[in-house]
Amino acid sequence: MNRGWNSSRSTRIRTAIIGIAVPLAIAAISFVVMLVWLPTLPDPIAVHWSSASGPDGFGPALLFIFTPLIITILFAIFTAFATAKLTPSGRLNWTQKAIAVTGVWLSTMLSVAFLGSLEVQRGLDDAHKAGDVLPSLLLGLVLASALAVAAWFLLPKYELVPDVGQTPERVEIAPSERLSWMQRARLGTAGLILIGLVLVVCIGATVLVWVAGKLTWLPIVVLAFVIVLVVTNTWWWIAVDERGLVVRGILGWPGTVIPLSDIRSVQVIEVNASRDFGGWGWRWGGHGRTGVILTSGKAIEVTRSGGKRFAVTVDDAETGAGVIAALLSRKPAQSSGKPS
């Protein structure tokens, strides 16, 4: 027990330092440097560059300077939340380790890119004269990737924890009966809060730029993109019928259909959204595992013919999985042809 406690404590300390403290330190240092540069910058500053014409988007410097720090703080909070519950042996799973490493990459990339974008504008009276930012972006990509690789190896080895799923009770049906099941699912409270925060930040940034009289197409496009993501990822339809497992957004997109012929098995599993999939919505959990994760709780998980797994969290997952099991039980009879 003492060894397990020491392993858990070591993992938590290393994760807190590498996945939370290091990204925050990088963002804080770049924030201070950009604040020092503030008096030397034009007003407004360039915030977007076109490969053909150079600077083509402009906005207030202070909002630009705060952006990397705010994003890093929000992601650090998410990292702390996602890595709070370790595996039974006191280690990170693959998704948790990837989240911690992503924090390092994100903070470094944003800090270097934003610093480089301001550095080429120092001392200018007009942001239209700003130089190219591509070298800064490339430098940020290289440094962020290098630090992310280092973080991966400095963090403890991840542990693959097999799902402890339940075999669903098969719904009994007659050979001639048709069977279908449908459920509407909504993003859970935690996901709604996260999306709400992102939406508030985007709306607030757009309003600030508009009040400053420097509104460009860029913040409007970003806000529109976030709104589309909210609408298409908040409500979903989940259905099981002769087509297989059908999962679609409320507007019909995004979505997928996993045919019965491609389903090898089905089970009901318990999902922790942040720990197992790194968040909410259409997610990739690593090692051939994907899913539509709307909340933490019970999910239908199907294993496909090639071994890949797909999970969807939904109310009454037991019944939905039971319907899949019933339809799967009819496959051999359907493929065997007429009796002789």
C-alpha atoms as a PDB file:
ATOM      1  CA  MET A   1       0.000   0.000   0.000  1.00  0.00           C
ATOM      2  CA  ASN A   2       2.846   2.360   0.831  1.00  0.00           C
ATOM      3  CA  ARG A   3       4.491   1.667  -2.537  1.00  0.00           C
ATOM      4  CA  GLY A   4       1.228   2.450  -4.343  1.00  0.00           C
ATOM      5  CA  TRP A   5       0.777   5.655  -2.334  1.00  0.00           C
ATOM      6  CA  ASN A   6       4.341   6.745  -3.189  1.00  0.00           C
ATOM      7  CA  SER A   7       3.725   5.995  -6.875  1.00  0.00           C
ATOM      8  CA  SER A   8       0.521   8.030  -6.836  1.00  0.00           C
ATOM      9  CA  ARG A   9       2.187  10.929  -5.015  1.00  0.00           C
ATOM     10  CA  SER A  10       5.138  10.950  -7.438  1.00  0.00           C
ATOM     11  CA  THR A  11       2.800  10.896 -10.428  1.00  0.00           C
ATOM     12  CA  ARG A  12       0.723  13.772  -9.081  1.00  0.00           C
ATOM     13  CA  ILE A  13       3.799  15.904  -8.350  1.00  0.00           C
ATOM     14  CA  ARG A  14       5.370  15.321 -11.768  1.00  0.00           C
ATOM     15  CA  THR A  15       2.076  15.932 -13.539  1.00  0.00           C
ATOM     16  CA  ALA A  16       1.456  19.153 -11.606  1.00  0.00           C
ATOM     17  CA  ILE A  17       4.946  20.453 -12.405  1.00  0.00           C
ATOM     18  CA  ILE A  18       5.183  19.403 -16.054  1.00  0.00           C
ATOM     19  CA  GLY A  19       1.555  19.614 -17.126  1.00  0.00           C
ATOM     20  CA  ILE A  20       0.443  22.670 -15.136  1.00  0.00           C
ATOM     21  CA  ALA A  21       3.305  24.698 -13.616  1.00  0.00           C
ATOM     22  CA  VAL A  22       5.586  24.666 -16.690  1.00  0.00           C
ATOM     23  CA  PRO A  23       2.895  25.834 -19.161  1.00  0.00           C
ATOM     24  CA  LEU A  24       1.775  28.564 -16.745  1.00  0.00           C
ATOM     25  CA  ALA A  25       5.379  29.717 -16.256  1.00  0.00           C
ATOM     26  CA  ILE A  26       5.974  29.895 -20.015  1.00  0.00           C
ATOM     27  CA  ALA A  27       2.766  31.870 -20.557  1.00  0.00           C
ATOM     28  CA  ALA A  28       3.504  34.201 -17.622  1.00  0.00           C
ATOM     29  CA  ILE A  29       7.011  35.012 -18.867  1.00  0.00           C
ATOM     30  CA  SER A  30       5.773  35.787 -22.383  1.00  0.00           C
ATOM     31  CA  PHE A  31       2.950  37.893 -20.904  1.00  0.00           C
ATOM     32  CA  VAL A  32       5.394  40.040 -18.910  1.00  0.00           C
ATOM     33  CA  VAL A  33       7.676  40.495 -21.929  1.00  0.00           C
ATOM     34  CA  MET A  34       4.752  41.573 -24.132  1.00  0.00           C
ATOM     35  CA  LEU A  35       3.579  44.028 -21.465  1.00  0.00           C
ATOM     36  CA  VAL A  36       7.042  45.575 -21.415  1.00  0.00           C
ATOM     37  CA  TRP A  37       6.884  45.933 -25.192  1.00  0.00           C
ATOM     38  CA  LEU A  38       3.424  47.555 -25.103  1.00  0.00           C
ATOM     39  CA  PRO A  39       4.601  51.236 -25.256  1.00  0.00           C
ATOM     40  CA  THR A  40       6.671  50.469 -28.361  1.00  0.00           C
ATOM     41  CA  LEU A  41       3.786  48.967 -30.369  1.00  0.00           C
ATOM     42  CA  PRO A  42       1.534  50.711 -32.930  1.00  0.00           C
ATOM     43  CA  ASP A  43      -2.160  51.201 -32.237  1.00  0.00           C
ATOM     44  CA  PRO A  44      -3.889  49.130 -33.497  1.00  0.00           C
ATOM     45  CA  ILE A  45      -1.505  46.218 -33.921  1.00  0.00           C
ATOM     46  CA  ALA A  46      -1.572  43.590 -36.649  1.00  0.00           C
ATOM     47  CA  VAL A  47      -3.220  40.376 -35.423  1.00  0.00           C
ATOM     48  CA  HIS A  48      -3.441  38.460 -38.699  1.00  0.00           C
ATOM     49  CA  TRP A  49      -1.197  38.039 -41.717  1.00  0.00           C
ATOM     50  CA  SER A  50      -1.936  36.952 -45.271  1.00  0.00           C
ATOM     51  CA  SER A  51       0.736  35.012 -47.136  1.00  0.00           C
ATOM     52  CA  ALA A  52       0.162  37.251 -50.155  1.00  0.00           C
ATOM     53  CA  SER A  53      -0.410  40.737 -48.750  1.00  0.00           C
ATOM     54  CA  GLY A  54       1.099  40.721 -45.251  1.00  0.00           C
ATOM     55  CA  PRO A  55      -0.873  42.157 -42.304  1.00  0.00           C
ATOM     56  CA  ASP A  56      -4.607  42.146 -43.075  1.00  0.00           C
ATOM     57  CA  GLY A  57      -6.246  42.030 -39.635  1.00  0.00           C
ATOM     58  CA  PHE A  58      -5.849  44.564 -36.815  1.00  0.00           C
ATOM     59  CA  GLY A  59      -6.951  44.942 -33.207  1.00  0.00           C
ATOM     60  CA  PRO A  60      -6.089  46.268 -29.728  1.00  0.00           C
ATOM     61  CA  ALA A  61      -2.714  45.220 -28.347  1.00  0.00           C
ATOM     62  CA  LEU A  62      -3.827  44.556 -24.761  1.00  0.00           C
ATOM     63  CA  LEU A  63      -6.409  41.962 -25.744  1.00  0.00           C
ATOM     64  CA  PHE A  64      -3.807  40.263 -27.941  1.00  0.00           C
ATOM     65  CA  ILE A  65      -1.298  40.183 -25.079  1.00  0.00           C
ATOM     66  CA  PHE A  66      -3.746  38.600 -22.626  1.00  0.00           C
ATOM     67  CA  THR A  67      -4.907  35.873 -25.027  1.00  0.00           C
ATOM     68  CA  PRO A  68      -2.096  33.284 -24.590  1.00  0.00           C
ATOM     69  CA  LEU A  69      -2.192  33.629 -20.796  1.00  0.00           C
ATOM     70  CA  ILE A  70      -5.981  33.208 -20.598  1.00  0.00           C
ATOM     71  CA  ILE A  71      -5.945  30.160 -22.877  1.00  0.00           C
ATOM     72  CA  THR A  72      -3.100  28.582 -20.897  1.00  0.00           C
ATOM     73  CA  ILE A  73      -4.836  29.168 -17.561  1.00  0.00           C
ATOM     74  CA  LEU A  74      -8.060  27.606 -18.829  1.00  0.00           C
ATOM     75  CA  PHE A  75      -6.198  24.595 -20.202  1.00  0.00           C
ATOM     76  CA  ALA A  76      -4.216  24.230 -16.958  1.00  0.00           C
ATOM     77  CA  ILE A  77      -7.512  24.080 -15.028  1.00  0.00           C
ATOM     78  CA  PHE A  78      -8.760  21.431 -17.428  1.00  0.00           C
ATOM     79  CA  THR A  79      -5.507  19.456 -17.036  1.00  0.00           C
ATOM     80  CA  ALA A  80      -5.843  19.517 -13.259  1.00  0.00           C
ATOM     81  CA  PHE A  81      -9.433  18.311 -13.536  1.00  0.00           C
ATOM     82  CA  ALA A  82      -8.653  15.587 -16.103  1.00  0.00           C
ATOM     83  CA  THR A  83      -5.679  14.164 -14.189  1.00  0.00           C
ATOM     84  CA  ALA A  84      -7.268  14.267 -10.730  1.00  0.00           C
ATOM     85  CA  LYS A  85      -8.271  10.598 -10.747  1.00  0.00           C
ATOM     86  CA  LEU A  86      -5.373   8.249 -11.491  1.00  0.00           C
ATOM     87  CA  THR A  87      -5.499   4.576 -12.435  1.00  0.00           C
ATOM     88  CA  PRO A  88      -5.808   2.044  -9.569  1.00  0.00           C
ATOM     89  CA  SER A  89      -2.022   1.636  -9.527  1.00  0.00           C
ATOM     90  CA  GLY A  90      -1.480   5.395  -9.182  1.00  0.00           C
ATOM     91  CA  ARG A  91      -0.471   6.186 -12.774  1.00  0.00           C
ATOM     92  CA  LEU A  92      -1.816   8.248 -15.661  1.00  0.00           C
ATOM     93  CA  ASN A  93      -3.715   6.626 -18.494  1.00  0.00           C
ATOM     94  CA  TRP A  94      -2.823   7.445 -22.110  1.00  0.00           C
ATOM     95  CA  THR A  95      -5.372  10.252 -22.472  1.00  0.00           C
ATOM     96  CA  GLN A  96      -4.332  11.953 -19.233  1.00  0.00           C
ATOM     97  CA  LYS A  97      -0.663  11.905 -20.235  1.00  0.00           C
ATOM     98  CA  ALA A  98      -1.526  13.290 -23.685  1.00  0.00           C
ATOM     99  CA  ILE A  99      -3.482  16.138 -22.070  1.00  0.00           C
ATOM    100  CA  ALA A 100      -0.547  17.091 -19.822  1.00  0.00           C
ATOM    101  CA  VAL A 101       1.839  17.082 -22.797  1.00  0.00           C
ATOM    102  CA  THR A 102      -0.616  19.110 -24.899  1.00  0.00           C
ATOM    103  CA  GLY A 103      -0.557  21.826 -22.236  1.00  0.00           C
ATOM    104  CA  VAL A 104       3.203  22.227 -22.662  1.00  0.00           C
ATOM    105  CA  TRP A 105       2.922  22.260 -26.455  1.00  0.00           C
ATOM    106  CA  LEU A 106       0.024  24.733 -26.491  1.00  0.00           C
ATOM    107  CA  SER A 107       1.597  27.202 -24.076  1.00  0.00           C
ATOM    108  CA  THR A 108       4.945  27.192 -25.912  1.00  0.00           C
ATOM    109  CA  MET A 109       3.415  27.500 -29.362  1.00  0.00           C
ATOM    110  CA  LEU A 110       1.127  30.376 -28.359  1.00  0.00           C
ATOM    111  CA  SER A 111       3.824  32.224 -26.416  1.00  0.00           C
ATOM    112  CA  VAL A 112       6.447  32.098 -29.172  1.00  0.00           C
ATOM    113  CA  ALA A 113       3.946  32.893 -31.938  1.00  0.00           C
ATOM    114  CA  PHE A 114       2.463  35.875 -30.095  1.00  0.00           C
ATOM    115  CA  LEU A 115       5.878  37.160 -29.033  1.00  0.00           C
ATOM    116  CA  GLY A 116       7.107  36.910 -32.612  1.00  0.00           C
ATOM    117  CA  SER A 117       4.005  38.687 -33.916  1.00  0.00           C
ATOM    118  CA  LEU A 118       4.669  41.650 -31.620  1.00  0.00           C
ATOM    119  CA  GLU A 119       8.443  41.675 -32.050  1.00  0.00           C
ATOM    120  CA  VAL A 120       8.145  42.509 -35.766  1.00  0.00           C
ATOM    121  CA  GLN A 121       5.931  45.500 -34.855  1.00  0.00           C
ATOM    122  CA  ARG A 122       8.079  47.122 -32.185  1.00  0.00           C
ATOM    123  CA  GLY A 123       8.932  50.730 -32.967  1.00  0.00           C
ATOM    124  CA  LEU A 124       6.502  50.973 -35.906  1.00  0.00           C
ATOM    125  CA  ASP A 125       3.983  53.781 -36.241  1.00  0.00           C
ATOM    126  CA  ASP A 126       1.786  51.741 -38.589  1.00  0.00           C
ATOM    127  CA  ALA A 127       1.136  48.007 -38.207  1.00  0.00           C
ATOM    128  CA  HIS A 128       0.766  47.669 -41.991  1.00  0.00           C
ATOM    129  CA  LYS A 129       4.575  47.841 -42.124  1.00  0.00           C
ATOM    130  CA  ALA A 130       5.025  44.756 -39.917  1.00  0.00           C
ATOM    131  CA  GLY A 131       7.346  42.071 -41.204  1.00  0.00           C
ATOM    132  CA  ASP A 132       6.691  38.405 -41.848  1.00  0.00           C
ATOM    133  CA  VAL A 133       5.698  36.224 -38.865  1.00  0.00           C
ATOM    134  CA  LEU A 134       6.320  32.863 -40.543  1.00  0.00           C
ATOM    135  CA  PRO A 135       9.793  32.440 -38.957  1.00  0.00           C
ATOM    136  CA  SER A 136       8.226  32.943 -35.505  1.00  0.00           C
ATOM    137  CA  LEU A 137       5.516  30.390 -36.229  1.00  0.00           C
ATOM    138  CA  LEU A 138       8.069  27.845 -37.413  1.00  0.00           C
ATOM    139  CA  LEU A 139      10.260  28.510 -34.366  1.00  0.00           C
ATOM    140  CA  GLY A 140       7.254  28.105 -32.106  1.00  0.00           C
ATOM    141  CA  LEU A 141       6.332  24.817 -33.776  1.00  0.00           C
ATOM    142  CA  VAL A 142       9.858  23.428 -33.364  1.00  0.00           C
ATOM    143  CA  LEU A 143      10.250  24.546 -29.730  1.00  0.00           C
ATOM    144  CA  ALA A 144       6.740  23.426 -28.767  1.00  0.00           C
ATOM    145  CA  SER A 145       7.245  20.007 -30.337  1.00  0.00           C
ATOM    146  CA  ALA A 146      10.659  19.581 -28.699  1.00  0.00           C
ATOM    147  CA  LEU A 147       9.331  20.494 -25.254  1.00  0.00           C
ATOM    148  CA  ALA A 148       6.289  18.269 -25.726  1.00  0.00           C
ATOM    149  CA  VAL A 149       8.513  15.285 -26.533  1.00  0.00           C
ATOM    150  CA  ALA A 150      10.657  16.039 -23.485  1.00  0.00           C
ATOM    151  CA  ALA A 151       7.533  16.318 -21.323  1.00  0.00           C
ATOM    152  CA  TRP A 152       6.283  12.942 -22.589  1.00  0.00           C
ATOM    153  CA  PHE A 153       9.455  11.202 -21.442  1.00  0.00           C
ATOM    154  CA  LEU A 154       9.705  13.137 -18.159  1.00  0.00           C
ATOM    155  CA  LEU A 155       6.178  12.155 -17.155  1.00  0.00           C
ATOM    156  CA  PRO A 156       5.640   8.656 -15.725  1.00  0.00           C
ATOM    157  CA  LYS A 157       4.776   5.844 -18.132  1.00  0.00           C
ATOM    158  CA  TYR A 158       1.090   5.660 -18.867  1.00  0.00           C
ATOM    159  CA  GLU A 159      -0.999   2.624 -18.041  1.00  0.00           C
ATOM    160  CA  LEU A 160      -3.533   0.979 -20.299  1.00  0.00           C
ATOM    161  CA  VAL A 161      -6.548   0.194 -18.150  1.00  0.00           C
ATOM    162  CA  PRO A 162      -8.928  -2.275 -19.800  1.00  0.00           C
ATOM    163  CA  ASP A 163     -12.592  -1.380 -19.737  1.00  0.00           C
ATOM    164  CA  VAL A 164     -14.616  -3.343 -17.228  1.00  0.00           C
ATOM    165  CA  GLY A 165     -17.756  -3.507 -19.303  1.00  0.00           C
ATOM    166  CA  GLN A 166     -21.022  -5.332 -18.818  1.00  0.00           C
ATOM    167  CA  THR A 167     -22.501  -7.656 -21.384  1.00  0.00           C
ATOM    168  CA  PRO A 168     -25.989  -6.272 -22.067  1.00  0.00           C
ATOM    169  CA  GLU A 169     -29.106  -8.337 -21.602  1.00  0.00           C
ATOM    170  CA  ARG A 170     -30.321  -9.141 -25.074  1.00  0.00           C
ATOM    171  CA  VAL A 171     -33.791  -7.895 -25.981  1.00  0.00           C
ATOM    172  CA  GLU A 172     -35.961 -10.858 -26.959  1.00  0.00           C
ATOM    173  CA  ILE A 173     -37.679 -10.583 -30.338  1.00  0.00           C
ATOM    174  CA  ALA A 174     -39.362 -12.935 -32.759  1.00  0.00           C
ATOM    175  CA  PRO A 175     -37.535 -13.720 -36.031  1.00  0.00           C
ATOM    176  CA  SER A 176     -40.148 -11.819 -38.045  1.00  0.00           C
ATOM    177  CA  GLU A 177     -40.199  -8.716 -35.831  1.00  0.00           C
ATOM    178  CA  ARG A 178     -38.413  -5.467 -36.628  1.00  0.00           C
ATOM    179  CA  LEU A 179     -36.590  -3.783 -33.789  1.00  0.00           C
ATOM    180  CA  SER A 180     -35.370  -0.227 -33.316  1.00  0.00           C
ATOM    181  CA  TRP A 181     -34.360   2.057 -30.454  1.00  0.00           C
ATOM    182  CA  MET A 182     -33.829   5.804 -30.444  1.00  0.00           C
ATOM    183  CA  GLN A 183     -32.699   8.283 -27.816  1.00  0.00           C
ATOM    184  CA  ARG A 184     -31.899  11.975 -27.841  1.00  0.00           C
ATOM    185  CA  ALA A 185     -28.793  12.934 -25.879  1.00  0.00           C
ATOM    186  CA  ARG A 186     -27.586  16.314 -24.660  1.00  0.00           C
ATOM    187  CA  LEU A 187     -24.168  17.538 -23.665  1.00  0.00           C
ATOM    188  CA  GLY A 188     -23.682  17.219 -19.909  1.00  0.00           C
ATOM    189  CA  THR A 189     -23.309  20.055 -17.432  1.00  0.00           C
ATOM    190  CA  ALA A 190     -19.495  20.037 -17.411  1.00  0.00           C
ATOM    191  CA  GLY A 191     -19.349  20.214 -21.199  1.00  0.00           C
ATOM    192  CA  LEU A 192     -21.943  22.988 -21.305  1.00  0.00           C
ATOM    193  CA  ILE A 193     -19.946  25.016 -18.778  1.00  0.00           C
ATOM    194  CA  LEU A 194     -16.779  24.635 -20.845  1.00  0.00           C
ATOM    195  CA  ILE A 195     -18.530  25.605 -24.070  1.00  0.00           C
ATOM    196  CA  GLY A 196     -20.202  28.490 -22.242  1.00  0.00           C
ATOM    197  CA  LEU A 197     -16.835  29.812 -21.078  1.00  0.00           C
ATOM    198  CA  VAL A 198     -15.413  29.623 -24.591  1.00  0.00           C
ATOM    199  CA  LEU A 199     -18.497  31.356 -25.973  1.00  0.00           C
ATOM    200  CA  VAL A 200     -18.337  34.119 -23.347  1.00  0.00           C
ATOM    201  CA  VAL A 201     -14.643  34.732 -24.096  1.00  0.00           C
ATOM    202  CA  CYS A 202     -15.293  34.901 -27.851  1.00  0.00           C
ATOM    203  CA  ILE A 203     -18.295  37.201 -27.469  1.00  0.00           C
ATOM    204  CA  GLY A 204     -16.414  39.387 -24.986  1.00  0.00           C
ATOM    205  CA  ALA A 205     -13.416  39.680 -27.294  1.00  0.00           C
ATOM    206  CA  THR A 206     -15.639  40.572 -30.250  1.00  0.00           C
ATOM    207  CA  VAL A 207     -17.483  43.233 -28.227  1.00  0.00           C
ATOM    208  CA  LEU A 208     -14.223  44.752 -26.967  1.00  0.00           C
ATOM    209  CA  VAL A 209     -12.849  44.981 -30.487  1.00  0.00           C
ATOM    210  CA  TRP A 210     -16.140  46.472 -31.718  1.00  0.00           C
ATOM    211  CA  VAL A 211     -16.216  49.082 -28.917  1.00  0.00           C
ATOM    212  CA  ALA A 212     -12.632  50.009 -29.736  1.00  0.00           C
ATOM    213  CA  GLY A 213     -13.754  50.686 -33.320  1.00  0.00           C
ATOM    214  CA  LYS A 214     -11.312  48.144 -34.750  1.00  0.00           C
ATOM    215  CA  LEU A 215     -13.666  45.287 -35.586  1.00  0.00           C
ATOM    216  CA  THR A 216     -12.390  43.087 -38.450  1.00  0.00           C
ATOM    217  CA  TRP A 217     -13.679  39.902 -40.050  1.00  0.00           C
ATOM    218  CA  LEU A 218     -11.372  37.681 -37.951  1.00  0.00           C
ATOM    219  CA  PRO A 219     -13.190  37.835 -34.556  1.00  0.00           C
ATOM    220  CA  ILE A 220     -16.542  37.550 -36.339  1.00  0.00           C
ATOM    221  CA  VAL A 221     -15.411  34.393 -38.151  1.00  0.00           C
ATOM    222  CA  VAL A 222     -14.073  32.907 -34.896  1.00  0.00           C
ATOM    223  CA  LEU A 223     -17.331  33.679 -33.076  1.00  0.00           C
ATOM    224  CA  ALA A 224     -19.408  32.186 -35.901  1.00  0.00           C
ATOM    225  CA  PHE A 225     -17.248  29.039 -35.859  1.00  0.00           C
ATOM    226  CA  VAL A 226     -17.715  28.615 -32.097  1.00  0.00           C
ATOM    227  CA  ILE A 227     -21.490  29.072 -32.431  1.00  0.00           C
ATOM    228  CA  VAL A 228     -21.622  26.385 -35.145  1.00  0.00           C
ATOM    229  CA  LEU A 229     -19.656  24.023 -32.892  1.00  0.00           C
ATOM    230  CA  VAL A 230     -22.055  24.697 -30.022  1.00  0.00           C
ATOM    231  CA  VAL A 231     -25.149  23.993 -32.126  1.00  0.00           C
ATOM    232  CA  THR A 232     -23.796  20.856 -33.811  1.00  0.00           C
ATOM    233  CA  ASN A 233     -22.227  19.283 -30.713  1.00  0.00           C
ATOM    234  CA  THR A 234     -24.765  19.994 -27.962  1.00  0.00           C
ATOM    235  CA  TRP A 235     -27.696  17.769 -29.027  1.00  0.00           C
ATOM    236  CA  TRP A 236     -27.432  14.345 -30.654  1.00  0.00           C
ATOM    237  CA  TRP A 237     -29.664  11.557 -31.922  1.00  0.00           C
ATOM    238  CA  ILE A 238     -28.600   7.993 -31.152  1.00  0.00           C
ATOM    239  CA  ALA A 239     -30.454   5.161 -32.877  1.00  0.00           C
ATOM    240  CA  VAL A 240     -30.109   1.406 -33.178  1.00  0.00           C
ATOM    241  CA  ASP A 241     -31.919  -0.482 -35.944  1.00  0.00           C
ATOM    242  CA  GLU A 242     -31.242  -2.697 -38.963  1.00  0.00           C
ATOM    243  CA  ARG A 243     -28.702  -0.139 -40.186  1.00  0.00           C
ATOM    244  CA  GLY A 244     -26.594  -0.628 -37.057  1.00  0.00           C
ATOM    245  CA  LEU A 245     -25.538   2.059 -34.573  1.00  0.00           C
ATOM    246  CA  VAL A 246     -26.432   5.534 -35.867  1.00  0.00           C
ATOM    247  CA  VAL A 247     -25.076   8.644 -34.149  1.00  0.00           C
ATOM    248  CA  ARG A 248     -25.824  12.094 -35.579  1.00  0.00           C
ATOM    249  CA  GLY A 249     -25.790  15.694 -34.447  1.00  0.00           C
ATOM    250  CA  ILE A 250     -29.176  17.360 -34.118  1.00  0.00           C
ATOM    251  CA  LEU A 251     -28.717  18.998 -37.544  1.00  0.00           C
ATOM    252  CA  GLY A 252     -27.572  15.745 -39.146  1.00  0.00           C
ATOM    253  CA  TRP A 253     -23.867  16.620 -38.947  1.00  0.00           C
ATOM    254  CA  PRO A 254     -21.464  15.436 -37.669  1.00  0.00           C
ATOM    255  CA  GLY A 255     -22.480  11.803 -37.583  1.00  0.00           C
ATOM    256  CA  THR A 256     -21.608   8.209 -38.308  1.00  0.00           C
ATOM    257  CA  VAL A 257     -23.272   4.885 -39.033  1.00  0.00           C
ATOM    258  CA  ILE A 258     -21.605   1.679 -37.862  1.00  0.00           C
ATOM    259  CA  PRO A 259     -23.275  -1.171 -39.809  1.00  0.00           C
ATOM    260  CA  LEU A 260     -24.319  -4.329 -37.989  1.00  0.00           C
ATOM    261  CA  SER A 261     -22.040  -6.265 -40.328  1.00  0.00           C
ATOM    262  CA  ASP A 262     -19.072  -4.314 -38.923  1.00  0.00           C
ATOM    263  CA  ILE A 263     -19.955  -4.810 -35.244  1.00  0.00           C
ATOM    264  CA  ARG A 264     -18.175  -7.707 -33.557  1.00  0.00           C
ATOM    265  CA  SER A 265     -19.466  -7.178 -30.008  1.00  0.00           C
ATOM    266  CA  VAL A 266     -21.226  -4.687 -27.754  1.00  0.00           C
ATOM    267  CA  GLN A 267     -21.003  -3.842 -24.068  1.00  0.00           C
ATOM    268  CA  VAL A 268     -22.015  -1.160 -21.579  1.00  0.00           C
ATOM    269  CA  ILE A 269     -19.092   0.702 -20.034  1.00  0.00           C
ATOM    270  CA  GLU A 270     -18.620   3.468 -17.471  1.00  0.00           C
ATOM    271  CA  VAL A 271     -16.951   6.554 -18.960  1.00  0.00           C
ATOM    272  CA  ASN A 272     -15.225   9.491 -17.302  1.00  0.00           C
ATOM    273  CA  ALA A 273     -15.277  12.143 -20.033  1.00  0.00           C
ATOM    274  CA  SER A 274     -12.170  14.131 -19.113  1.00  0.00           C
ATOM    275  CA  ARG A 275     -10.053  11.221 -17.880  1.00  0.00           C
ATOM    276  CA  ASP A 276     -10.863   8.682 -20.609  1.00  0.00           C
ATOM    277  CA  PHE A 277     -11.409  10.913 -23.647  1.00  0.00           C
ATOM    278  CA  GLY A 278      -9.943  14.288 -22.737  1.00  0.00           C
ATOM    279  CA  GLY A 279     -13.218  16.188 -22.941  1.00  0.00           C
ATOM    280  CA  TRP A 280     -16.639  16.260 -24.530  1.00  0.00           C
ATOM    281  CA  GLY A 281     -18.001  15.963 -28.056  1.00  0.00           C
ATOM    282  CA  TRP A 282     -16.535  13.858 -30.836  1.00  0.00           C
ATOM    283  CA  ARG A 283     -13.416  12.486 -29.189  1.00  0.00           C
ATOM    284  CA  TRP A 284     -10.422  10.272 -29.829  1.00  0.00           C
ATOM    285  CA  GLY A 285      -9.306   8.262 -26.823  1.00  0.00           C
ATOM    286  CA  GLY A 286      -6.175   6.748 -28.364  1.00  0.00           C
ATOM    287  CA  HIS A 287      -5.360   3.161 -29.289  1.00  0.00           C
ATOM    288  CA  GLY A 288      -8.124   2.867 -31.853  1.00  0.00           C
ATOM    289  CA  ARG A 289     -10.847   4.196 -29.571  1.00  0.00           C
ATOM    290  CA  THR A 290     -13.214   6.996 -30.583  1.00  0.00           C
ATOM    291  CA  GLY A 291     -16.593   8.165 -29.405  1.00  0.00           C
ATOM    292  CA  VAL A 292     -19.237  10.805 -28.972  1.00  0.00           C
ATOM    293  CA  ILE A 293     -18.819  11.675 -25.308  1.00  0.00           C
ATOM    294  CA  LEU A 294     -21.486  14.006 -23.957  1.00  0.00           C
ATOM    295  CA  THR A 295     -21.165  13.367 -20.238  1.00  0.00           C
ATOM    296  CA  SER A 296     -19.575  11.035 -17.720  1.00  0.00           C
ATOM    297  CA  GLY A 297     -21.604   7.914 -17.116  1.00  0.00           C
ATOM    298  CA  LYS A 298     -22.782   4.808 -18.913  1.00  0.00           C
ATOM    299  CA  ALA A 299     -22.054   4.377 -22.599  1.00  0.00           C
ATOM    300  CA  ILE A 300     -22.724   1.930 -25.394  1.00  0.00           C
ATOM    301  CA  GLU A 301     -19.415   0.662 -26.735  1.00  0.00           C
ATOM    302  CA  VAL A 302     -19.160  -1.433 -29.884  1.00  0.00           C
ATOM    303  CA  THR A 303     -16.055  -3.237 -31.054  1.00  0.00           C
ATOM    304  CA  ARG A 304     -15.730  -3.248 -34.826  1.00  0.00           C
ATOM    305  CA  SER A 305     -14.493  -6.081 -37.018  1.00  0.00           C
ATOM    306  CA  GLY A 306     -11.012  -4.570 -37.206  1.00  0.00           C
ATOM    307  CA  GLY A 307     -10.763  -4.220 -33.422  1.00  0.00           C
ATOM    308  CA  LYS A 308     -11.440  -0.482 -33.233  1.00  0.00           C
ATOM    309  CA  ARG A 309     -13.909   0.643 -30.576  1.00  0.00           C
ATOM    310  CA  PHE A 310     -16.582   3.328 -30.646  1.00  0.00           C
ATOM    311  CA  ALA A 311     -18.439   4.591 -27.552  1.00  0.00           C
ATOM    312  CA  VAL A 312     -21.392   6.925 -27.098  1.00  0.00           C
ATOM    313  CA  THR A 313     -22.710   8.105 -23.751  1.00  0.00           C
ATOM    314  CA  VAL A 314     -26.488   8.058 -23.576  1.00  0.00           C
ATOM    315  CA  ASP A 315     -29.316   7.559 -21.099  1.00  0.00           C
ATOM    316  CA  ASP A 316     -30.600   3.987 -20.918  1.00  0.00           C
ATOM    317  CA  ALA A 317     -27.437   2.677 -22.526  1.00  0.00           C
ATOM    318  CA  GLU A 318     -28.319  -0.818 -21.290  1.00  0.00           C
ATOM    319  CA  THR A 319     -31.418  -0.982 -23.478  1.00  0.00           C
ATOM    320  CA  GLY A 320     -29.646   0.407 -26.534  1.00  0.00           C
ATOM    321  CA  ALA A 321     -26.832  -2.119 -26.127  1.00  0.00           C
ATOM    322  CA  GLY A 322     -29.414  -4.871 -25.589  1.00  0.00           C
ATOM    323  CA  VAL A 323     -31.068  -4.005 -28.902  1.00  0.00           C
ATOM    324  CA  ILE A 324     -27.690  -4.203 -30.667  1.00  0.00           C
ATOM    325  CA  ALA A 325     -27.079  -7.593 -29.056  1.00  0.00           C
ATOM    326  CA  ALA A 326     -30.486  -8.812 -30.254  1.00  0.00           C
ATOM    327  CA  LEU A 327     -29.850  -7.618 -33.809  1.00  0.00           C
ATOM    328  CA  LEU A 328     -26.392  -9.184 -33.795  1.00  0.00           C
ATOM    329  CA  SER A 329     -27.888 -12.516 -32.708  1.00  0.00           C
ATOM    330  CA  ARG A 330     -29.924 -12.539 -35.924  1.00  0.00           C
ATOM    331  CA  LYS A 331     -26.959 -12.048 -38.232  1.00  0.00           C
ATOM    332  CA  PRO A 332     -26.006 -15.741 -38.616  1.00  0.00           C
ATOM    333  CA  ALA A 333     -29.627 -16.641 -39.431  1.00  0.00           C
ATOM    334  CA  GLN A 334     -29.809 -13.858 -41.988  1.00  0.00           C
ATOM    335  CA  SER A 335     -26.556 -14.855 -43.670  1.00  0.00           C
ATOM    336  CA  SER A 336     -27.244 -18.590 -43.779  1.00  0.00           C
ATOM    337  CA  GLY A 337     -29.973 -18.287 -46.425  1.00  0.00           C
ATOM    338  CA  LYS A 338     -33.152 -20.313 -46.666  1.00  0.00           C
ATOM    339  CA  PRO A 339     -33.252 -23.649 -44.865  1.00  0.00           C
ATOM    340  CA  SER A 340     -32.954 -26.680 -47.103  1.00  0.00           C
END
